[in-house]
Amino acid sequence: MSTVATPVITPQPAPVLHDSFIELSARERARALLDAGTFRELLGPFDRIESPWLPLQGIVCQADDGCVIARGTIDGEPAVVAAIESAFQGGSIGEVSGSKIAAALELALRDCERGKPVRPVVLFETGGVRLQEANLGLAVIAEIQAAIVALRRHVPVVGVISGMVGCFGGMSLAAALCSYLVVTKQGRLGMNGPEVIEQEAGIDELDASDRRHVWQLIGGEQRALTGFADALVEDDPNALRSAVQRAFTQGVPAAHRTEQVDSYLDGLARIDPANVTPETMRTVFHANAALSSSKEQA
């Protein structure tokens, strides 16, 4: 009696009909990173999990609170993508949106602890905490950070900063905790945004309207060249997807950036406060990264 072999179906990348990752919505970005046909949204708009605080201040809610959580596969492996929507409140993190991210990462952690690895990706596009929900937002950002630290012991946690809002505030610390960080030239990463620095320290400290200078200081290319990001890619969905896939194939780093405290303190000690330029930062931290790498190999 003859038998018919069951065909092996390999998940294929999702077809991309747009040549810019930055111009995609959060939902489209998440879909672009997952294998074709595997995108499944959790707590989507029709579930209407909205902020209870914004209406009290006369602000119209968004049905997903500006955060998309999607399950699917990446290279055939189970994955979860948390994508922040910059078009809603500048991607700011409130109680609901932050809780969605934290819960998604905690569920991935639970699966990993049960021997079922899940590939977690966070698409950062945020100015940080939502001022209208400040204390609640800060608390949930701390939960996100704790979840990343716990999860990265099991699998790489990959962050993506593509632009144009960038990643600032408490969420910049969450990005720094990721195992690998993928950026574009258009992306920005910093604890405080240029406008905040100008407001608090004055225009002599930083002219937020000088876009060229701002990107030289905190843009994606600068962050990659100083070792604060791991991959610099073009603004292209296929390029971003490939970079995310490569990050997972590298496995968990021997030492995450946030575990290399002595190395970074040494780098800071070698900076001349009177001569801080993009070039000096590249020289110091590039050499610092090389030294750290050689110590790991030894």
Protein backbone atom coordinates (compact mmCIF):
# COMPACT_ATOMS: atom_id res chain seq x y z
CA MET A 1 0.00 0.00 0.00
CA SER A 2 1.58 3.25 -1.11
CA THR A 3 1.60 6.33 1.09
CA VAL A 4 1.73 9.95 0.07
CA ALA A 5 4.39 12.02 1.79
CA THR A 6 3.10 15.09 3.59
CA PRO A 7 4.59 18.21 2.00
CA VAL A 8 6.73 20.43 4.20
CA ILE A 9 5.47 24.00 4.12
CA THR A 10 8.07 26.65 5.00
CA PRO A 11 6.63 29.99 6.14
CA GLN A 12 7.50 32.77 3.73
CA PRO A 13 8.09 36.45 4.48
CA ALA A 14 5.03 38.63 4.26
CA PRO A 15 4.70 40.37 0.89
CA VAL A 16 5.73 44.00 1.27
CA LEU A 17 3.94 46.51 -0.93
CA HIS A 18 5.64 49.57 0.54
CA ASP A 19 9.28 50.55 0.19
CA SER A 20 9.46 52.47 3.50
CA PHE A 21 9.22 50.84 6.91
CA ILE A 22 9.01 54.23 8.61
CA GLU A 23 5.85 55.21 6.74
CA LEU A 24 4.00 52.04 7.77
CA SER A 25 1.58 52.10 10.67
CA ALA A 26 2.42 50.10 13.79
CA ARG A 27 0.09 47.30 12.69
CA GLU A 28 1.69 47.17 9.23
CA ARG A 29 5.20 47.17 10.72
CA ALA A 30 4.38 44.20 12.92
CA ARG A 31 2.86 42.37 9.96
CA ALA A 32 5.92 43.12 7.81
CA LEU A 33 8.27 41.45 10.32
CA LEU A 34 6.25 38.25 10.72
CA ASP A 35 6.06 35.36 8.27
CA ALA A 36 3.29 35.70 5.70
CA GLY A 37 -0.11 34.57 6.92
CA THR A 38 0.93 34.22 10.57
CA PHE A 39 -0.04 37.69 11.87
CA ARG A 40 -2.61 37.41 14.65
CA GLU A 41 -3.41 40.46 16.75
CA LEU A 42 -4.06 40.21 20.47
CA LEU A 43 -6.32 42.75 22.18
CA GLY A 44 -6.99 44.54 18.92
CA PRO A 45 -9.18 47.59 18.28
CA PHE A 46 -12.42 45.61 18.42
CA ASP A 47 -11.64 44.59 21.99
CA ARG A 48 -11.74 48.33 22.82
CA ILE A 49 -9.21 48.23 25.64
CA GLU A 50 -8.92 52.01 25.93
CA SER A 51 -7.36 54.44 28.37
CA PRO A 52 -9.86 55.41 31.08
CA TRP A 53 -7.90 58.59 31.81
CA LEU A 54 -7.68 60.44 28.50
CA PRO A 55 -11.43 61.19 28.16
CA LEU A 56 -11.34 62.87 31.56
CA GLN A 57 -8.94 65.39 30.02
CA GLY A 58 -10.89 65.88 26.82
CA ILE A 59 -8.62 63.66 24.70
CA VAL A 60 -10.16 61.23 22.21
CA CYS A 61 -9.04 57.65 22.86
CA GLN A 62 -7.70 55.17 20.37
CA ALA A 63 -9.26 51.72 20.50
CA ASP A 64 -5.89 49.96 20.84
CA ASP A 65 -4.35 52.78 22.93
CA GLY A 66 -1.60 53.20 20.37
CA CYS A 67 -0.03 49.77 20.83
CA VAL A 68 -0.31 46.69 18.63
CA ILE A 69 0.50 43.22 19.99
CA ALA A 70 0.84 40.50 17.36
CA ARG A 71 1.68 36.81 17.53
CA GLY A 72 3.02 34.86 14.58
CA THR A 73 6.30 33.34 13.47
CA ILE A 74 9.70 34.66 12.40
CA ASP A 75 11.64 32.19 10.28
CA GLY A 76 9.08 29.60 11.33
CA GLU A 77 9.72 30.13 15.05
CA PRO A 78 6.99 31.44 17.40
CA ALA A 79 7.28 35.19 17.87
CA VAL A 80 5.55 38.14 19.49
CA VAL A 81 5.82 41.71 18.24
CA ALA A 82 4.88 44.78 20.28
CA ALA A 83 4.59 47.82 17.99
CA ILE A 84 4.05 51.35 19.28
CA GLU A 85 1.98 53.70 17.11
CA SER A 86 3.68 57.10 16.86
CA ALA A 87 0.60 58.68 15.26
CA PHE A 88 -1.31 58.46 18.57
CA GLN A 89 -0.08 60.80 21.29
CA GLY A 90 3.44 60.67 19.88
CA GLY A 91 3.77 57.02 20.81
CA SER A 92 3.64 57.92 24.49
CA ILE A 93 3.20 55.09 26.97
CA GLY A 94 0.12 55.06 29.18
CA GLU A 95 -1.36 52.51 31.55
CA VAL A 96 -3.10 50.43 28.86
CA SER A 97 -0.50 50.53 26.08
CA GLY A 98 2.33 49.83 28.51
CA SER A 99 0.42 47.00 30.18
CA LYS A 100 -0.13 45.38 26.79
CA ILE A 101 3.62 45.39 26.11
CA ALA A 102 4.55 44.17 29.59
CA ALA A 103 1.94 41.39 29.51
CA ALA A 104 3.05 40.23 26.06
CA LEU A 105 6.66 39.97 27.26
CA GLU A 106 5.61 38.23 30.48
CA LEU A 107 3.59 35.66 28.52
CA ALA A 108 6.61 35.07 26.29
CA LEU A 109 8.70 34.57 29.43
CA ARG A 110 6.22 32.02 30.74
CA ASP A 111 6.42 30.09 27.48
CA CYS A 112 10.24 30.17 27.55
CA GLU A 113 10.27 28.85 31.09
CA ARG A 114 8.10 25.96 29.90
CA GLY A 115 10.60 25.09 27.21
CA LYS A 116 8.69 26.78 24.37
CA PRO A 117 10.91 29.67 23.20
CA VAL A 118 9.18 32.73 21.76
CA ARG A 119 11.04 35.39 19.77
CA PRO A 120 10.16 38.83 21.23
CA VAL A 121 10.45 42.05 19.19
CA VAL A 122 9.63 45.57 20.40
CA LEU A 123 9.17 48.34 17.83
CA PHE A 124 10.03 51.52 19.72
CA GLU A 125 8.46 54.70 18.43
CA THR A 126 7.89 56.74 21.55
CA GLY A 127 8.69 59.92 23.40
CA GLY A 128 8.40 58.06 26.69
CA VAL A 129 5.73 58.22 29.37
CA ARG A 130 2.34 59.77 28.56
CA LEU A 131 2.19 62.93 30.65
CA GLN A 132 -1.57 62.61 31.17
CA GLU A 133 -0.96 59.26 32.91
CA ALA A 134 2.46 60.02 34.32
CA ASN A 135 2.68 57.85 37.46
CA LEU A 136 0.77 54.94 35.93
CA GLY A 137 2.86 55.17 32.77
CA LEU A 138 6.13 55.22 34.71
CA ALA A 139 5.05 52.19 36.75
CA VAL A 140 4.22 50.15 33.66
CA ILE A 141 7.47 51.16 31.93
CA ALA A 142 9.28 49.68 34.92
CA GLU A 143 7.29 46.47 34.37
CA ILE A 144 8.37 46.44 30.72
CA GLN A 145 12.01 46.84 31.72
CA ALA A 146 11.78 44.05 34.31
CA ALA A 147 10.15 41.75 31.76
CA ILE A 148 12.92 42.39 29.22
CA VAL A 149 15.64 41.61 31.77
CA ALA A 150 13.91 38.38 32.80
CA LEU A 151 13.18 37.32 29.22
CA ARG A 152 16.62 38.00 27.78
CA ARG A 153 18.10 35.23 29.93
CA HIS A 154 16.23 32.74 27.75
CA VAL A 155 16.05 34.29 24.27
CA PRO A 156 17.35 37.45 22.60
CA VAL A 157 15.02 40.42 22.96
CA VAL A 158 15.25 42.51 19.78
CA GLY A 159 14.38 46.21 19.70
CA VAL A 160 13.83 48.29 16.57
CA ILE A 161 14.03 52.09 16.34
CA SER A 162 13.21 53.22 12.83
CA GLY A 163 11.95 56.84 13.08
CA MET A 164 10.78 59.52 12.97
CA VAL A 165 9.70 59.99 16.60
CA GLY A 166 12.63 57.97 17.90
CA CYS A 167 12.88 56.54 21.40
CA PHE A 168 13.19 58.69 24.52
CA GLY A 169 12.48 58.84 28.23
CA GLY A 170 11.99 55.66 30.22
CA MET A 171 11.49 53.68 27.05
CA SER A 172 15.03 54.55 25.95
CA LEU A 173 16.16 52.56 28.99
CA ALA A 174 13.94 49.68 27.88
CA ALA A 175 15.57 49.84 24.44
CA ALA A 176 19.03 49.79 26.02
CA LEU A 177 18.08 46.63 27.93
CA CYS A 178 17.33 44.73 24.72
CA SER A 179 19.78 42.05 23.63
CA TYR A 180 20.08 43.61 20.17
CA LEU A 181 18.99 46.97 18.85
CA VAL A 182 18.29 47.56 15.14
CA VAL A 183 18.17 51.18 13.94
CA THR A 184 17.86 53.22 10.77
CA LYS A 185 19.63 56.52 10.10
CA GLN A 186 16.31 58.26 10.62
CA GLY A 187 15.84 56.80 14.10
CA ARG A 188 16.95 58.60 17.27
CA LEU A 189 17.77 57.32 20.73
CA GLY A 190 18.28 59.39 23.86
CA MET A 191 17.19 59.77 27.46
CA ASN A 192 15.82 63.27 26.79
CA GLY A 193 14.54 64.60 23.49
CA PRO A 194 16.14 67.67 21.86
CA GLU A 195 13.15 69.89 22.66
CA VAL A 196 13.28 68.94 26.34
CA ILE A 197 17.03 69.62 26.53
CA GLU A 198 16.59 73.03 24.89
CA GLN A 199 13.69 73.88 27.19
CA GLU A 200 15.51 72.90 30.39
CA ALA A 201 19.12 73.82 29.59
CA GLY A 202 18.69 76.57 27.01
CA ILE A 203 19.36 76.89 23.31
CA ASP A 204 23.09 77.37 23.95
CA GLU A 205 23.17 73.78 25.18
CA LEU A 206 21.24 72.39 22.23
CA ASP A 207 19.32 73.99 19.38
CA ALA A 208 16.48 71.54 18.79
CA SER A 209 15.82 73.07 15.35
CA ASP A 210 19.32 72.14 14.15
CA ARG A 211 18.27 68.78 12.73
CA ARG A 212 21.72 67.93 11.35
CA HIS A 213 23.37 68.46 14.74
CA VAL A 214 20.65 66.53 16.57
CA TRP A 215 21.03 63.50 14.32
CA GLN A 216 24.83 63.71 14.64
CA LEU A 217 24.43 63.41 18.39
CA ILE A 218 21.63 60.87 18.83
CA GLY A 219 20.73 59.62 15.35
CA GLY A 220 20.73 55.97 14.37
CA GLU A 221 24.06 56.09 12.57
CA GLN A 222 25.79 57.72 15.54
CA ARG A 223 24.27 55.21 17.96
CA ALA A 224 25.48 52.32 15.81
CA LEU A 225 28.99 53.76 15.44
CA THR A 226 29.27 54.26 19.21
CA GLY A 227 28.09 50.72 19.98
CA PHE A 228 24.72 51.60 21.48
CA ALA A 229 22.96 49.87 18.57
CA ASP A 230 23.92 46.63 16.89
CA ALA A 231 22.70 47.00 13.32
CA LEU A 232 22.22 50.04 11.08
CA VAL A 233 19.91 49.31 8.16
CA GLU A 234 18.14 51.17 5.38
CA ASP A 235 14.52 52.26 5.70
CA ASP A 236 13.19 49.20 3.92
CA PRO A 237 10.80 46.55 5.31
CA ASN A 238 12.85 43.69 3.86
CA ALA A 239 16.08 45.10 5.33
CA LEU A 240 14.49 45.49 8.77
CA ARG A 241 13.06 41.97 8.67
CA SER A 242 16.42 40.50 7.66
CA ALA A 243 18.21 42.38 10.44
CA VAL A 244 15.72 41.12 13.04
CA GLN A 245 16.11 37.55 11.77
CA ARG A 246 19.93 37.80 11.95
CA ALA A 247 19.72 39.07 15.52
CA PHE A 248 17.84 35.97 16.64
CA THR A 249 20.31 33.65 14.90
CA GLN A 250 23.11 35.17 17.03
CA GLY A 251 21.53 33.87 20.20
CA VAL A 252 21.73 35.43 23.66
CA PRO A 253 24.83 37.68 23.99
CA ALA A 254 27.57 36.59 26.35
CA ALA A 255 27.11 39.94 28.12
CA HIS A 256 24.41 42.50 27.48
CA ARG A 257 25.34 46.17 27.24
CA THR A 258 23.75 46.89 30.60
CA GLU A 259 25.96 44.25 32.21
CA GLN A 260 29.17 45.92 31.01
CA VAL A 261 29.15 48.62 33.69
CA ASP A 262 32.91 48.81 34.27
CA SER A 263 33.58 49.08 30.56
CA TYR A 264 31.22 52.02 30.13
CA LEU A 265 32.51 53.76 33.24
CA ASP A 266 35.99 53.47 31.79
CA GLY A 267 34.77 55.04 28.56
CA LEU A 268 33.09 57.92 30.38
CA ALA A 269 36.29 58.56 32.33
CA ARG A 270 38.16 59.05 29.06
CA ILE A 271 35.81 61.75 27.77
CA ASP A 272 36.94 65.37 27.94
CA PRO A 273 33.83 67.42 28.89
CA ALA A 274 35.32 70.42 27.04
CA ASN A 275 35.59 68.45 23.82
CA VAL A 276 32.39 66.47 23.35
CA THR A 277 31.66 66.00 19.66
CA PRO A 278 30.12 63.20 17.60
CA GLU A 279 33.64 62.26 16.48
CA THR A 280 35.08 62.06 20.01
CA MET A 281 32.13 59.94 21.11
CA ARG A 282 32.75 57.55 18.22
CA THR A 283 36.45 57.31 19.05
CA VAL A 284 35.92 56.65 22.75
CA PHE A 285 33.02 54.22 22.58
CA HIS A 286 34.17 52.39 19.46
CA ALA A 287 37.47 51.67 21.19
CA ASN A 288 35.52 50.84 24.34
CA ALA A 289 33.38 48.29 22.47
CA ALA A 290 36.46 46.71 20.90
CA LEU A 291 38.14 46.40 24.31
CA SER A 292 35.02 44.88 25.84
CA SER A 293 34.76 42.38 22.98
CA SER A 294 38.38 41.28 23.39
CA LYS A 295 37.85 40.76 27.12
CA GLU A 296 34.81 38.57 26.45
CA GLN A 297 36.77 36.45 23.98
CA ALA A 298 39.61 36.06 26.46
